[in-house]
Amino acid sequence: MTAYARPGLPAGAWWAGLRPYLSADAQLAYAGTDPATITVTGVTGPARLTPASSPALARVAIPTRAGSYLLLLTRSVHRRDWLVTRIVPPELVA
């Protein structure tokens, strides 16, 4: 979320910082994002794993200056690291 919440960066620098944390599908979905349109500018507290998580899907709530974002992360049995598949802004978190 820290890599995402940097709307003041040039697009190339923003993308270079965010891309390593994204799954292949998320890279396709967020590739054309203009960081200037992002309203969040910083994380304000620790991440919290939500009860709806599982060993292969993590739903993580991240408090920010713009409200609580939800990050969906996945990992495969072949990889140990988690990758973001979706970044959900507060207004869409149910």
PDB file of N, CA and C in Angstrom:
ATOM      1  N   MET A   1       0.830  -1.194   0.000  1.00  0.00           N
ATOM      2  CA  MET A   1       0.000   0.000   0.000  1.00  0.00           C
ATOM      3  C   MET A   1       0.870   1.251   0.000  1.00  0.00           C
ATOM      4  N   THR A   2       2.020   1.159   0.656  1.00  0.00           N
ATOM      5  CA  THR A   2       2.930   2.295   0.674  1.00  0.00           C
ATOM      6  C   THR A   2       3.408   2.620  -0.734  1.00  0.00           C
ATOM      7  N   ALA A   3       3.665   1.594  -1.535  1.00  0.00           N
ATOM      8  CA  ALA A   3       4.105   1.808  -2.921  1.00  0.00           C
ATOM      9  C   ALA A   3       2.990   2.410  -3.768  1.00  0.00           C
ATOM     10  N   TYR A   4       1.758   2.082  -3.473  1.00  0.00           N
ATOM     11  CA  TYR A   4       0.613   2.584  -4.223  1.00  0.00           C
ATOM     12  C   TYR A   4       0.300   4.042  -3.871  1.00  0.00           C
ATOM     13  N   ALA A   5       0.400   4.383  -2.593  1.00  0.00           N
ATOM     14  CA  ALA A   5      -0.034   5.691  -2.093  1.00  0.00           C
ATOM     15  C   ALA A   5       1.024   6.777  -2.290  1.00  0.00           C
ATOM     16  N   ARG A   6       1.461   6.962  -3.534  1.00  0.00           N
ATOM     17  CA  ARG A   6       2.467   7.981  -3.853  1.00  0.00           C
ATOM     18  C   ARG A   6       2.051   8.749  -5.110  1.00  0.00           C
ATOM     19  N   PRO A   7       0.947   9.495  -5.034  1.00  0.00           N
ATOM     20  CA  PRO A   7       0.418  10.160  -6.224  1.00  0.00           C
ATOM     21  C   PRO A   7       1.322  11.260  -6.783  1.00  0.00           C
ATOM     22  N   GLY A   8       2.290  11.726  -6.036  1.00  0.00           N
ATOM     23  CA  GLY A   8       3.162  12.798  -6.507  1.00  0.00           C
ATOM     24  C   GLY A   8       4.321  12.338  -7.368  1.00  0.00           C
ATOM     25  N   LEU A   9       4.497  11.028  -7.489  1.00  0.00           N
ATOM     26  CA  LEU A   9       5.595  10.514  -8.301  1.00  0.00           C
ATOM     27  C   LEU A   9       5.271  10.554  -9.790  1.00  0.00           C
ATOM     28  N   PRO A  10       6.294  10.675 -10.632  1.00  0.00           N
ATOM     29  CA  PRO A  10       6.063  10.495 -12.069  1.00  0.00           C
ATOM     30  C   PRO A  10       5.565   9.063 -12.310  1.00  0.00           C
ATOM     31  N   ALA A  11       4.769   8.886 -13.337  1.00  0.00           N
ATOM     32  CA  ALA A  11       4.152   7.582 -13.613  1.00  0.00           C
ATOM     33  C   ALA A  11       5.168   6.445 -13.689  1.00  0.00           C
ATOM     34  N   GLY A  12       6.287   6.657 -14.348  1.00  0.00           N
ATOM     35  CA  GLY A  12       7.287   5.595 -14.495  1.00  0.00           C
ATOM     36  C   GLY A  12       7.873   5.161 -13.163  1.00  0.00           C
ATOM     37  N   ALA A  13       8.187   6.109 -12.311  1.00  0.00           N
ATOM     38  CA  ALA A  13       8.749   5.794 -10.992  1.00  0.00           C
ATOM     39  C   ALA A  13       7.702   5.120 -10.108  1.00  0.00           C
ATOM     40  N   TRP A  14       6.459   5.612 -10.179  1.00  0.00           N
ATOM     41  CA  TRP A  14       5.373   5.007  -9.404  1.00  0.00           C
ATOM     42  C   TRP A  14       5.179   3.555  -9.813  1.00  0.00           C
ATOM     43  N   TRP A  15       5.120   3.300 -11.108  1.00  0.00           N
ATOM     44  CA  TRP A  15       4.897   1.949 -11.612  1.00  0.00           C
ATOM     45  C   TRP A  15       6.060   1.028 -11.250  1.00  0.00           C
ATOM     46  N   ALA A  16       7.281   1.510 -11.364  1.00  0.00           N
ATOM     47  CA  ALA A  16       8.463   0.696 -11.021  1.00  0.00           C
ATOM     48  C   ALA A  16       8.440   0.289  -9.551  1.00  0.00           C
ATOM     49  N   GLY A  17       7.915   1.144  -8.687  1.00  0.00           N
ATOM     50  CA  GLY A  17       7.837   0.822  -7.272  1.00  0.00           C
ATOM     51  C   GLY A  17       6.696  -0.100  -6.914  1.00  0.00           C
ATOM     52  N   LEU A  18       5.611  -0.048  -7.664  1.00  0.00           N
ATOM     53  CA  LEU A  18       4.422  -0.851  -7.367  1.00  0.00           C
ATOM     54  C   LEU A  18       4.451  -2.225  -8.037  1.00  0.00           C
ATOM     55  N   ARG A  19       4.912  -2.285  -9.243  1.00  0.00           N
ATOM     56  CA  ARG A  19       4.832  -3.495 -10.064  1.00  0.00           C
ATOM     57  C   ARG A  19       5.339  -4.775  -9.392  1.00  0.00           C
ATOM     58  N   PRO A  20       6.460  -4.760  -8.664  1.00  0.00           N
ATOM     59  CA  PRO A  20       6.942  -6.010  -8.060  1.00  0.00           C
ATOM     60  C   PRO A  20       5.988  -6.634  -7.047  1.00  0.00           C
ATOM     61  N   TYR A  21       5.055  -5.865  -6.528  1.00  0.00           N
ATOM     62  CA  TYR A  21       4.116  -6.382  -5.522  1.00  0.00           C
ATOM     63  C   TYR A  21       2.829  -6.927  -6.127  1.00  0.00           C
ATOM     64  N   LEU A  22       2.655  -6.788  -7.429  1.00  0.00           N
ATOM     65  CA  LEU A  22       1.408  -7.156  -8.089  1.00  0.00           C
ATOM     66  C   LEU A  22       1.492  -8.513  -8.784  1.00  0.00           C
ATOM     67  N   SER A  23       0.377  -9.242  -8.762  1.00  0.00           N
ATOM     68  CA  SER A  23       0.265 -10.474  -9.545  1.00  0.00           C
ATOM     69  C   SER A  23       0.256 -10.105 -11.029  1.00  0.00           C
ATOM     70  N   ALA A  24       0.401 -11.089 -11.888  1.00  0.00           N
ATOM     71  CA  ALA A  24       0.391 -10.836 -13.339  1.00  0.00           C
ATOM     72  C   ALA A  24      -0.925 -10.187 -13.765  1.00  0.00           C
ATOM     73  N   ASP A  25      -2.045 -10.668 -13.242  1.00  0.00           N
ATOM     74  CA  ASP A  25      -3.347 -10.081 -13.586  1.00  0.00           C
ATOM     75  C   ASP A  25      -3.458  -8.643 -13.084  1.00  0.00           C
ATOM     76  N   ALA A  26      -2.977  -8.387 -11.886  1.00  0.00           N
ATOM     77  CA  ALA A  26      -3.029  -7.032 -11.346  1.00  0.00           C
ATOM     78  C   ALA A  26      -2.117  -6.095 -12.130  1.00  0.00           C
ATOM     79  N   GLN A  27      -0.990  -6.609 -12.606  1.00  0.00           N
ATOM     80  CA  GLN A  27      -0.107  -5.775 -13.431  1.00  0.00           C
ATOM     81  C   GLN A  27      -0.835  -5.309 -14.684  1.00  0.00           C
ATOM     82  N   LEU A  28      -1.598  -6.195 -15.288  1.00  0.00           N
ATOM     83  CA  LEU A  28      -2.382  -5.814 -16.467  1.00  0.00           C
ATOM     84  C   LEU A  28      -3.462  -4.792 -16.089  1.00  0.00           C
ATOM     85  N   ALA A  29      -4.121  -5.010 -14.967  1.00  0.00           N
ATOM     86  CA  ALA A  29      -5.219  -4.135 -14.556  1.00  0.00           C
ATOM     87  C   ALA A  29      -4.748  -2.736 -14.165  1.00  0.00           C
ATOM     88  N   TYR A  30      -3.583  -2.627 -13.531  1.00  0.00           N
ATOM     89  CA  TYR A  30      -3.124  -1.336 -13.021  1.00  0.00           C
ATOM     90  C   TYR A  30      -2.069  -0.665 -13.903  1.00  0.00           C
ATOM     91  N   ALA A  31      -1.684  -1.291 -14.991  1.00  0.00           N
ATOM     92  CA  ALA A  31      -0.605  -0.765 -15.839  1.00  0.00           C
ATOM     93  C   ALA A  31      -0.872   0.644 -16.357  1.00  0.00           C
ATOM     94  N   GLY A  32      -2.081   0.977 -16.671  1.00  0.00           N
ATOM     95  CA  GLY A  32      -2.381   2.293 -17.231  1.00  0.00           C
ATOM     96  C   GLY A  32      -2.795   3.334 -16.198  1.00  0.00           C
ATOM     97  N   THR A  33      -2.659   3.015 -14.928  1.00  0.00           N
ATOM     98  CA  THR A  33      -3.082   3.938 -13.876  1.00  0.00           C
ATOM     99  C   THR A  33      -2.208   5.184 -13.848  1.00  0.00           C
ATOM    100  N   ASP A  34      -2.838   6.327 -13.778  1.00  0.00           N
ATOM    101  CA  ASP A  34      -2.119   7.590 -13.626  1.00  0.00           C
ATOM    102  C   ASP A  34      -2.041   7.868 -12.130  1.00  0.00           C
ATOM    103  N   PRO A  35      -0.841   7.861 -11.542  1.00  0.00           N
ATOM    104  CA  PRO A  35      -0.745   8.060 -10.095  1.00  0.00           C
ATOM    105  C   PRO A  35      -1.320   9.392  -9.625  1.00  0.00           C
ATOM    106  N   ALA A  36      -1.409  10.368 -10.492  1.00  0.00           N
ATOM    107  CA  ALA A  36      -1.977  11.663 -10.112  1.00  0.00           C
ATOM    108  C   ALA A  36      -3.457  11.547  -9.750  1.00  0.00           C
ATOM    109  N   THR A  37      -4.129  10.476 -10.184  1.00  0.00           N
ATOM    110  CA  THR A  37      -5.542  10.292  -9.877  1.00  0.00           C
ATOM    111  C   THR A  37      -5.777   9.568  -8.553  1.00  0.00           C
ATOM    112  N   ILE A  38      -4.721   9.124  -7.910  1.00  0.00           N
ATOM    113  CA  ILE A  38      -4.837   8.399  -6.645  1.00  0.00           C
ATOM    114  C   ILE A  38      -5.011   9.410  -5.516  1.00  0.00           C
ATOM    115  N   THR A  39      -6.023   9.212  -4.699  1.00  0.00           N
ATOM    116  CA  THR A  39      -6.325  10.185  -3.648  1.00  0.00           C
ATOM    117  C   THR A  39      -5.639   9.873  -2.326  1.00  0.00           C
ATOM    118  N   VAL A  40      -5.148   8.687  -2.150  1.00  0.00           N
ATOM    119  CA  VAL A  40      -4.509   8.316  -0.882  1.00  0.00           C
ATOM    120  C   VAL A  40      -3.035   8.716  -0.911  1.00  0.00           C
ATOM    121  N   THR A  41      -2.558   9.284   0.203  1.00  0.00           N
ATOM    122  CA  THR A  41      -1.171   9.750   0.240  1.00  0.00           C
ATOM    123  C   THR A  41      -0.341   9.119   1.342  1.00  0.00           C
ATOM    124  N   GLY A  42      -0.862   8.162   2.055  1.00  0.00           N
ATOM    125  CA  GLY A  42      -0.047   7.532   3.073  1.00  0.00           C
ATOM    126  C   GLY A  42      -0.796   6.556   3.942  1.00  0.00           C
ATOM    127  N   VAL A  43      -0.052   5.595   4.465  1.00  0.00           N
ATOM    128  CA  VAL A  43      -0.565   4.602   5.396  1.00  0.00           C
ATOM    129  C   VAL A  43      -0.470   5.191   6.801  1.00  0.00           C
ATOM    130  N   THR A  44      -1.501   4.969   7.612  1.00  0.00           N
ATOM    131  CA  THR A  44      -1.529   5.573   8.946  1.00  0.00           C
ATOM    132  C   THR A  44      -1.436   4.571  10.085  1.00  0.00           C
ATOM    133  N   GLY A  45      -1.374   3.288   9.781  1.00  0.00           N
ATOM    134  CA  GLY A  45      -1.299   2.284  10.847  1.00  0.00           C
ATOM    135  C   GLY A  45      -0.931   0.926  10.286  1.00  0.00           C
ATOM    136  N   PRO A  46      -0.874  -0.067  11.153  1.00  0.00           N
ATOM    137  CA  PRO A  46      -0.481  -1.409  10.717  1.00  0.00           C
ATOM    138  C   PRO A  46      -1.576  -2.118   9.918  1.00  0.00           C
ATOM    139  N   ALA A  47      -1.146  -3.018   9.061  1.00  0.00           N
ATOM    140  CA  ALA A  47      -2.072  -3.851   8.291  1.00  0.00           C
ATOM    141  C   ALA A  47      -2.755  -4.834   9.241  1.00  0.00           C
ATOM    142  N   ARG A  48      -3.982  -5.212   8.879  1.00  0.00           N
ATOM    143  CA  ARG A  48      -4.735  -6.165   9.688  1.00  0.00           C
ATOM    144  C   ARG A  48      -5.314  -7.241   8.781  1.00  0.00           C
ATOM    145  N   LEU A  49      -4.969  -8.483   9.048  1.00  0.00           N
ATOM    146  CA  LEU A  49      -5.508  -9.609   8.301  1.00  0.00           C
ATOM    147  C   LEU A  49      -6.962  -9.807   8.716  1.00  0.00           C
ATOM    148  N   THR A  50      -7.870  -9.869   7.734  1.00  0.00           N
ATOM    149  CA  THR A  50      -9.289 -10.002   8.066  1.00  0.00           C
ATOM    150  C   THR A  50      -9.665 -11.474   8.258  1.00  0.00           C
ATOM    151  N   PRO A  51     -10.748 -11.748   8.975  1.00  0.00           N
ATOM    152  CA  PRO A  51     -11.163 -13.135   9.222  1.00  0.00           C
ATOM    153  C   PRO A  51     -11.499 -13.915   7.951  1.00  0.00           C
ATOM    154  N   ALA A  52     -11.809 -13.242   6.861  1.00  0.00           N
ATOM    155  CA  ALA A  52     -12.184 -13.934   5.621  1.00  0.00           C
ATOM    156  C   ALA A  52     -10.970 -14.476   4.866  1.00  0.00           C
ATOM    157  N   SER A  53      -9.787 -14.406   5.440  1.00  0.00           N
ATOM    158  CA  SER A  53      -8.575 -14.870   4.775  1.00  0.00           C
ATOM    159  C   SER A  53      -8.451 -16.384   4.844  1.00  0.00           C
ATOM    160  N   SER A  54      -7.605 -16.931   3.981  1.00  0.00           N
ATOM    161  CA  SER A  54      -7.346 -18.369   3.940  1.00  0.00           C
ATOM    162  C   SER A  54      -5.856 -18.579   3.637  1.00  0.00           C
ATOM    163  N   PRO A  55      -5.379 -19.830   3.601  1.00  0.00           N
ATOM    164  CA  PRO A  55      -3.962 -20.054   3.308  1.00  0.00           C
ATOM    165  C   PRO A  55      -3.524 -19.583   1.912  1.00  0.00           C
ATOM    166  N   ALA A  56      -4.455 -19.446   0.981  1.00  0.00           N
ATOM    167  CA  ALA A  56      -4.095 -19.029  -0.379  1.00  0.00           C
ATOM    168  C   ALA A  56      -4.596 -17.637  -0.740  1.00  0.00           C
ATOM    169  N   LEU A  57      -5.472 -17.049   0.082  1.00  0.00           N
ATOM    170  CA  LEU A  57      -6.020 -15.717  -0.185  1.00  0.00           C
ATOM    171  C   LEU A  57      -6.012 -14.916   1.105  1.00  0.00           C
ATOM    172  N   ALA A  58      -5.342 -13.790   1.074  1.00  0.00           N
ATOM    173  CA  ALA A  58      -5.333 -12.904   2.244  1.00  0.00           C
ATOM    174  C   ALA A  58      -6.113 -11.645   1.913  1.00  0.00           C
ATOM    175  N   ARG A  59      -6.970 -11.275   2.834  1.00  0.00           N
ATOM    176  CA  ARG A  59      -7.721 -10.011   2.740  1.00  0.00           C
ATOM    177  C   ARG A  59      -7.161  -9.145   3.852  1.00  0.00           C
ATOM    178  N   VAL A  60      -6.476  -8.075   3.452  1.00  0.00           N
ATOM    179  CA  VAL A  60      -5.748  -7.258   4.410  1.00  0.00           C
ATOM    180  C   VAL A  60      -6.299  -5.840   4.413  1.00  0.00           C
ATOM    181  N   ALA A  61      -6.705  -5.372   5.576  1.00  0.00           N
ATOM    182  CA  ALA A  61      -7.201  -4.000   5.734  1.00  0.00           C
ATOM    183  C   ALA A  61      -6.013  -3.111   6.077  1.00  0.00           C
ATOM    184  N   ILE A  62      -5.887  -1.988   5.356  1.00  0.00           N
ATOM    185  CA  ILE A  62      -4.784  -1.049   5.548  1.00  0.00           C
ATOM    186  C   ILE A  62      -5.374   0.332   5.849  1.00  0.00           C
ATOM    187  N   PRO A  63      -5.145   0.870   7.052  1.00  0.00           N
ATOM    188  CA  PRO A  63      -5.634   2.223   7.340  1.00  0.00           C
ATOM    189  C   PRO A  63      -4.765   3.266   6.636  1.00  0.00           C
ATOM    190  N   THR A  64      -5.422   4.228   5.998  1.00  0.00           N
ATOM    191  CA  THR A  64      -4.705   5.287   5.282  1.00  0.00           C
ATOM    192  C   THR A  64      -5.328   6.628   5.616  1.00  0.00           C
ATOM    193  N   ARG A  65      -4.718   7.684   5.120  1.00  0.00           N
ATOM    194  CA  ARG A  65      -5.273   9.027   5.323  1.00  0.00           C
ATOM    195  C   ARG A  65      -6.609   9.204   4.601  1.00  0.00           C
ATOM    196  N   ALA A  66      -6.914   8.335   3.653  1.00  0.00           N
ATOM    197  CA  ALA A  66      -8.161   8.432   2.891  1.00  0.00           C
ATOM    198  C   ALA A  66      -9.195   7.401   3.335  1.00  0.00           C
ATOM    199  N   GLY A  67      -8.924   6.676   4.410  1.00  0.00           N
ATOM    200  CA  GLY A  67      -9.823   5.625   4.870  1.00  0.00           C
ATOM    201  C   GLY A  67      -9.143   4.272   4.797  1.00  0.00           C
ATOM    202  N   SER A  68      -9.867   3.223   5.115  1.00  0.00           N
ATOM    203  CA  SER A  68      -9.301   1.879   5.146  1.00  0.00           C
ATOM    204  C   SER A  68      -9.426   1.197   3.783  1.00  0.00           C
ATOM    205  N   TYR A  69      -8.291   0.901   3.192  1.00  0.00           N
ATOM    206  CA  TYR A  69      -8.240   0.164   1.927  1.00  0.00           C
ATOM    207  C   TYR A  69      -8.223  -1.327   2.221  1.00  0.00           C
ATOM    208  N   LEU A  70      -8.688  -2.115   1.267  1.00  0.00           N
ATOM    209  CA  LEU A  70      -8.621  -3.564   1.357  1.00  0.00           C
ATOM    210  C   LEU A  70      -7.719  -4.065   0.244  1.00  0.00           C
ATOM    211  N   LEU A  71      -6.704  -4.826   0.601  1.00  0.00           N
ATOM    212  CA  LEU A  71      -5.836  -5.445  -0.393  1.00  0.00           C
ATOM    213  C   LEU A  71      -6.135  -6.932  -0.423  1.00  0.00           C
ATOM    214  N   LEU A  72      -6.317  -7.472  -1.615  1.00  0.00           N
ATOM    215  CA  LEU A  72      -6.487  -8.904  -1.797  1.00  0.00           C
ATOM    216  C   LEU A  72      -5.163  -9.441  -2.293  1.00  0.00           C
ATOM    217  N   LEU A  73      -4.623 -10.420  -1.589  1.00  0.00           N
ATOM    218  CA  LEU A  73      -3.338 -10.998  -1.942  1.00  0.00           C
ATOM    219  C   LEU A  73      -3.492 -12.495  -2.134  1.00  0.00           C
ATOM    220  N   THR A  74      -2.727 -13.047  -3.062  1.00  0.00           N
ATOM    221  CA  THR A  74      -2.745 -14.489  -3.295  1.00  0.00           C
ATOM    222  C   THR A  74      -1.315 -15.004  -3.372  1.00  0.00           C
ATOM    223  N   ARG A  75      -1.215 -16.305  -3.206  1.00  0.00           N
ATOM    224  CA  ARG A  75       0.058 -16.970  -3.446  1.00  0.00           C
ATOM    225  C   ARG A  75      -0.249 -18.371  -3.943  1.00  0.00           C
ATOM    226  N   SER A  76       0.665 -18.889  -4.723  1.00  0.00           N
ATOM    227  CA  SER A  76       0.481 -20.241  -5.252  1.00  0.00           C
ATOM    228  C   SER A  76       1.293 -21.210  -4.403  1.00  0.00           C
ATOM    229  N   VAL A  77       1.060 -22.469  -4.626  1.00  0.00           N
ATOM    230  CA  VAL A  77       1.809 -23.484  -3.884  1.00  0.00           C
ATOM    231  C   VAL A  77       3.277 -23.488  -4.292  1.00  0.00           C
ATOM    232  N   HIS A  78       3.587 -22.884  -5.441  1.00  0.00           N
ATOM    233  CA  HIS A  78       4.960 -22.869  -5.942  1.00  0.00           C
ATOM    234  C   HIS A  78       5.753 -21.656  -5.481  1.00  0.00           C
ATOM    235  N   ARG A  79       5.081 -20.678  -4.861  1.00  0.00           N
ATOM    236  CA  ARG A  79       5.754 -19.452  -4.430  1.00  0.00           C
ATOM    237  C   ARG A  79       5.455 -19.201  -2.963  1.00  0.00           C
ATOM    238  N   ARG A  80       6.409 -18.639  -2.279  1.00  0.00           N
ATOM    239  CA  ARG A  80       6.211 -18.324  -0.866  1.00  0.00           C
ATOM    240  C   ARG A  80       5.712 -16.903  -0.665  1.00  0.00           C
ATOM    241  N   ASP A  81       5.972 -16.023  -1.628  1.00  0.00           N
ATOM    242  CA  ASP A  81       5.599 -14.626  -1.443  1.00  0.00           C
ATOM    243  C   ASP A  81       4.145 -14.378  -1.859  1.00  0.00           C
ATOM    244  N   TRP A  82       3.570 -13.383  -1.235  1.00  0.00           N
ATOM    245  CA  TRP A  82       2.208 -12.963  -1.520  1.00  0.00           C
ATOM    246  C   TRP A  82       2.249 -11.834  -2.539  1.00  0.00           C
ATOM    247  N   LEU A  83       1.305 -11.829  -3.473  1.00  0.00           N
ATOM    248  CA  LEU A  83       1.201 -10.765  -4.473  1.00  0.00           C
ATOM    249  C   LEU A  83      -0.192 -10.158  -4.429  1.00  0.00           C
ATOM    250  N   VAL A  84      -0.251  -8.866  -4.608  1.00  0.00           N
ATOM    251  CA  VAL A  84      -1.527  -8.151  -4.598  1.00  0.00           C
ATOM    252  C   VAL A  84      -2.277  -8.435  -5.894  1.00  0.00           C
ATOM    253  N   THR A  85      -3.531  -8.821  -5.759  1.00  0.00           N
ATOM    254  CA  THR A  85      -4.372  -9.033  -6.940  1.00  0.00           C
ATOM    255  C   THR A  85      -5.374  -7.898  -7.126  1.00  0.00           C
ATOM    256  N   ARG A  86      -5.671  -7.192  -6.029  1.00  0.00           N
ATOM    257  CA  ARG A  86      -6.639  -6.096  -6.127  1.00  0.00           C
ATOM    258  C   ARG A  86      -6.441  -5.112  -4.988  1.00  0.00           C
ATOM    259  N   ILE A  87      -6.593  -3.843  -5.296  1.00  0.00           N
ATOM    260  CA  ILE A  87      -6.539  -2.773  -4.306  1.00  0.00           C
ATOM    261  C   ILE A  87      -7.923  -2.118  -4.309  1.00  0.00           C
ATOM    262  N   VAL A  88      -8.621  -2.254  -3.191  1.00  0.00           N
ATOM    263  CA  VAL A  88     -10.000  -1.784  -3.100  1.00  0.00           C
ATOM    264  C   VAL A  88     -10.049  -0.526  -2.227  1.00  0.00           C
ATOM    265  N   PRO A  89     -10.485   0.609  -2.798  1.00  0.00           N
ATOM    266  CA  PRO A  89     -10.552   1.851  -2.021  1.00  0.00           C
ATOM    267  C   PRO A  89     -11.686   1.799  -0.987  1.00  0.00           C
ATOM    268  N   PRO A  90     -11.606   2.658   0.031  1.00  0.00           N
ATOM    269  CA  PRO A  90     -12.605   2.641   1.108  1.00  0.00           C
ATOM    270  C   PRO A  90     -14.055   2.719   0.641  1.00  0.00           C
ATOM    271  N   GLU A  91     -14.315   3.502  -0.387  1.00  0.00           N
ATOM    272  CA  GLU A  91     -15.704   3.674  -0.831  1.00  0.00           C
ATOM    273  C   GLU A  91     -16.295   2.398  -1.432  1.00  0.00           C
ATOM    274  N   LEU A  92     -15.444   1.422  -1.777  1.00  0.00           N
ATOM    275  CA  LEU A  92     -15.939   0.163  -2.337  1.00  0.00           C
ATOM    276  C   LEU A  92     -15.858  -1.002  -1.366  1.00  0.00           C
ATOM    277  N   VAL A  93     -15.281  -0.757  -0.188  1.00  0.00           N
ATOM    278  CA  VAL A  93     -15.173  -1.809   0.831  1.00  0.00           C
ATOM    279  C   VAL A  93     -16.517  -1.922   1.523  1.00  0.00           C
ATOM    280  N   ALA A  94     -17.085  -3.119   1.492  1.00  0.00           N
ATOM    281  CA  ALA A  94     -18.412  -3.320   2.103  1.00  0.00           C
ATOM    282  C   ALA A  94     -18.300  -3.699   3.563  1.00  0.00           C
TER     283      ALA A  94
END
